[in-house]
C-alpha atoms as a PDB file:
ATOM      1  CA  MET A   1     -64.335  -8.829   9.548  1.00  0.00           C
ATOM      2  CA  SER A   2     -60.333  -9.257  10.175  1.00  0.00           C
ATOM      3  CA  ALA A   3     -58.780  -8.361  13.481  1.00  0.00           C
ATOM      4  CA  ASN A   4     -57.195  -5.084  12.080  1.00  0.00           C
ATOM      5  CA  SER A   5     -60.557  -3.583  10.614  1.00  0.00           C
ATOM      6  CA  SER A   6     -63.068  -1.593  12.464  1.00  0.00           C
ATOM      7  CA  PRO A   7     -66.414  -0.228  11.328  1.00  0.00           C
ATOM      8  CA  LYS A   8     -66.999   3.143  10.184  1.00  0.00           C
ATOM      9  CA  VAL A   9     -70.064   4.873   9.841  1.00  0.00           C
ATOM     10  CA  VAL A  10     -70.569   6.909   6.514  1.00  0.00           C
ATOM     11  CA  LYS A  11     -73.960   8.999   6.381  1.00  0.00           C
ATOM     12  CA  LEU A  12     -75.540   8.926   2.779  1.00  0.00           C
ATOM     13  CA  ASP A  13     -78.038  11.066   1.709  1.00  0.00           C
ATOM     14  CA  SER A  14     -81.135   8.987   0.198  1.00  0.00           C
ATOM     15  CA  GLU A  15     -79.921   9.540  -3.639  1.00  0.00           C
ATOM     16  CA  THR A  16     -76.386   8.388  -2.923  1.00  0.00           C
ATOM     17  CA  LYS A  17     -77.932   5.335  -0.994  1.00  0.00           C
ATOM     18  CA  ASP A  18     -80.079   4.585  -3.589  1.00  0.00           C
ATOM     19  CA  ARG A  19     -77.596   4.719  -6.477  1.00  0.00           C
ATOM     20  CA  LEU A  20     -75.307   2.295  -4.288  1.00  0.00           C
ATOM     21  CA  GLU A  21     -77.807  -0.193  -3.968  1.00  0.00           C
ATOM     22  CA  ARG A  22     -78.766  -0.215  -7.671  1.00  0.00           C
ATOM     23  CA  LEU A  23     -75.210  -0.343  -8.893  1.00  0.00           C
ATOM     24  CA  GLY A  24     -74.480  -2.949  -6.331  1.00  0.00           C
ATOM     25  CA  ALA A  25     -77.329  -5.023  -7.581  1.00  0.00           C
ATOM     26  CA  VAL A  26     -76.224  -4.687 -11.009  1.00  0.00           C
ATOM     27  CA  LYS A  27     -72.373  -5.803 -10.225  1.00  0.00           C
ATOM     28  CA  HIS A  28     -74.178  -8.395  -7.854  1.00  0.00           C
ATOM     29  CA  ARG A  29     -72.112  -6.582  -5.121  1.00  0.00           C
ATOM     30  CA  SER A  30     -73.006  -5.290  -1.399  1.00  0.00           C
ATOM     31  CA  PRO A  31     -73.057  -1.768  -1.005  1.00  0.00           C
ATOM     32  CA  HIS A  32     -70.836  -2.607   1.710  1.00  0.00           C
ATOM     33  CA  TYR A  33     -68.033  -3.669  -1.061  1.00  0.00           C
ATOM     34  CA  LEU A  34     -68.613  -0.775  -2.973  1.00  0.00           C
ATOM     35  CA  MET A  35     -68.020   1.751  -0.522  1.00  0.00           C
ATOM     36  CA  LYS A  36     -64.993   0.161   0.656  1.00  0.00           C
ATOM     37  CA  GLU A  37     -63.829  -0.301  -2.967  1.00  0.00           C
ATOM     38  CA  ALA A  38     -64.351   3.471  -4.011  1.00  0.00           C
ATOM     39  CA  ILE A  39     -62.445   4.361  -0.730  1.00  0.00           C
ATOM     40  CA  VAL A  40     -59.837   2.169  -1.294  1.00  0.00           C
ATOM     41  CA  ARG A  41     -59.487   3.872  -4.892  1.00  0.00           C
ATOM     42  CA  TYR A  42     -59.751   7.124  -3.759  1.00  0.00           C
ATOM     43  CA  LEU A  43     -56.872   6.928  -1.082  1.00  0.00           C
ATOM     44  CA  ASP A  44     -54.800   5.140  -3.888  1.00  0.00           C
ATOM     45  CA  GLN A  45     -55.323   7.933  -6.346  1.00  0.00           C
ATOM     46  CA  GLU A  46     -54.685  10.919  -3.615  1.00  0.00           C
ATOM     47  CA  GLU A  47     -51.895   9.164  -2.458  1.00  0.00           C
ATOM     48  CA  TYR A  48     -50.499   9.051  -6.072  1.00  0.00           C
ATOM     49  CA  ASN A  49     -51.575  12.847  -6.341  1.00  0.00           C
ATOM     50  CA  GLU A  50     -49.624  13.870  -3.188  1.00  0.00           C
ATOM     51  CA  LYS A  51     -46.613  12.023  -4.166  1.00  0.00           C
ATOM     52  CA  ILE A  52     -46.576  13.521  -7.678  1.00  0.00           C
ATOM     53  CA  ASN A  53     -46.850  16.935  -5.955  1.00  0.00           C
ATOM     54  CA  GLN A  54     -44.155  16.212  -3.462  1.00  0.00           C
ATOM     55  CA  GLU A  55     -42.280  15.236  -6.320  1.00  0.00           C
ATOM     56  CA  THR A  56     -42.945  18.589  -8.313  1.00  0.00           C
ATOM     57  CA  LEU A  57     -42.160  20.501  -5.571  1.00  0.00           C
ATOM     58  CA  ALA A  58     -38.742  18.863  -5.042  1.00  0.00           C
ATOM     59  CA  ARG A  59     -38.092  19.555  -8.505  1.00  0.00           C
ATOM     60  CA  TRP A  60     -38.896  23.016  -8.526  1.00  0.00           C
ATOM     61  CA  GLU A  61     -36.634  23.794  -5.630  1.00  0.00           C
ATOM     62  CA  GLU A  62     -33.775  22.169  -7.654  1.00  0.00           C
ATOM     63  CA  ALA A  63     -34.504  24.449 -10.598  1.00  0.00           C
ATOM     64  CA  SER A  64     -34.439  27.551  -8.157  1.00  0.00           C
ATOM     65  CA  LEU A  65     -30.984  26.730  -7.203  1.00  0.00           C
ATOM     66  CA  GLY A  66     -30.099  26.463 -10.957  1.00  0.00           C
ATOM     67  CA  LYS A  67     -29.856  22.570 -11.111  1.00  0.00           C
ATOM     68  CA  VAL A  68     -31.379  22.447 -14.500  1.00  0.00           C
ATOM     69  CA  VAL A  69     -30.459  21.126 -18.191  1.00  0.00           C
ATOM     70  CA  SER A  70     -30.431  23.728 -20.848  1.00  0.00           C
ATOM     71  CA  HIS A  71     -32.855  23.747 -23.719  1.00  0.00           C
ATOM     72  CA  GLU A  72     -30.032  23.479 -25.977  1.00  0.00           C
ATOM     73  CA  SER A  73     -28.793  20.230 -24.327  1.00  0.00           C
ATOM     74  CA  ILE A  74     -32.130  18.718 -24.399  1.00  0.00           C
ATOM     75  CA  ASP A  75     -32.816  19.754 -28.018  1.00  0.00           C
ATOM     76  CA  PHE A  76     -29.062  18.129 -28.992  1.00  0.00           C
ATOM     77  CA  TRP A  77     -29.729  15.099 -27.055  1.00  0.00           C
ATOM     78  CA  LEU A  78     -33.121  14.581 -28.699  1.00  0.00           C
ATOM     79  CA  SER A  79     -31.992  15.121 -32.550  1.00  0.00           C
ATOM     80  CA  THR A  80     -29.679  11.924 -31.608  1.00  0.00           C
ATOM     81  CA  TRP A  81     -32.181   9.875 -30.738  1.00  0.00           C
ATOM     82  CA  GLY A  82     -32.788   6.874 -33.338  1.00  0.00           C
ATOM     83  CA  THR A  83     -29.641   7.601 -35.078  1.00  0.00           C
ATOM     84  CA  ASP A  84     -26.314   5.577 -34.471  1.00  0.00           C
ATOM     85  CA  GLN A  85     -24.629   8.127 -32.356  1.00  0.00           C
ATOM     86  CA  GLU A  86     -27.477   8.304 -29.771  1.00  0.00           C
ATOM     87  CA  GLY A  87     -26.302  10.346 -26.988  1.00  0.00           C
ATOM     88  CA  SER A  88     -26.459   9.747 -23.287  1.00  0.00           C
ATOM     89  CA  LYS A  89     -28.915  12.115 -21.480  1.00  0.00           C
ATOM     90  CA  PRO A  90     -27.438  15.412 -20.313  1.00  0.00           C
ATOM     91  CA  GLU A  91     -26.595  16.013 -16.986  1.00  0.00           C
ATOM     92  CA  CYS A  92     -27.509  19.134 -15.135  1.00  0.00           C
ATOM     93  CA  GLU A  93     -25.227  22.199 -15.742  1.00  0.00           C
ATOM     94  CA  LYS A  94     -24.985  23.038 -11.903  1.00  0.00           C
END
């Protein structure tokens, strides 16, 4: 155990414990390794979800202040894609 880690207790019901042990045997990994890996993956996913949520809230705030690009501007810009006159992305109109 590294100097920066500390043991934590996780209470598992017998079915979950059995599943963990079976998977560990199949994967040639300890139940501890599988639990640690699951926690790290869960935290990575939840942190990513929270980042996306915060970005969405910030964009929603900008939109509520009128900082938007019109549908027409986007439509025109997209119509130039793949042509010799491909335009640059439109800027917010406010």
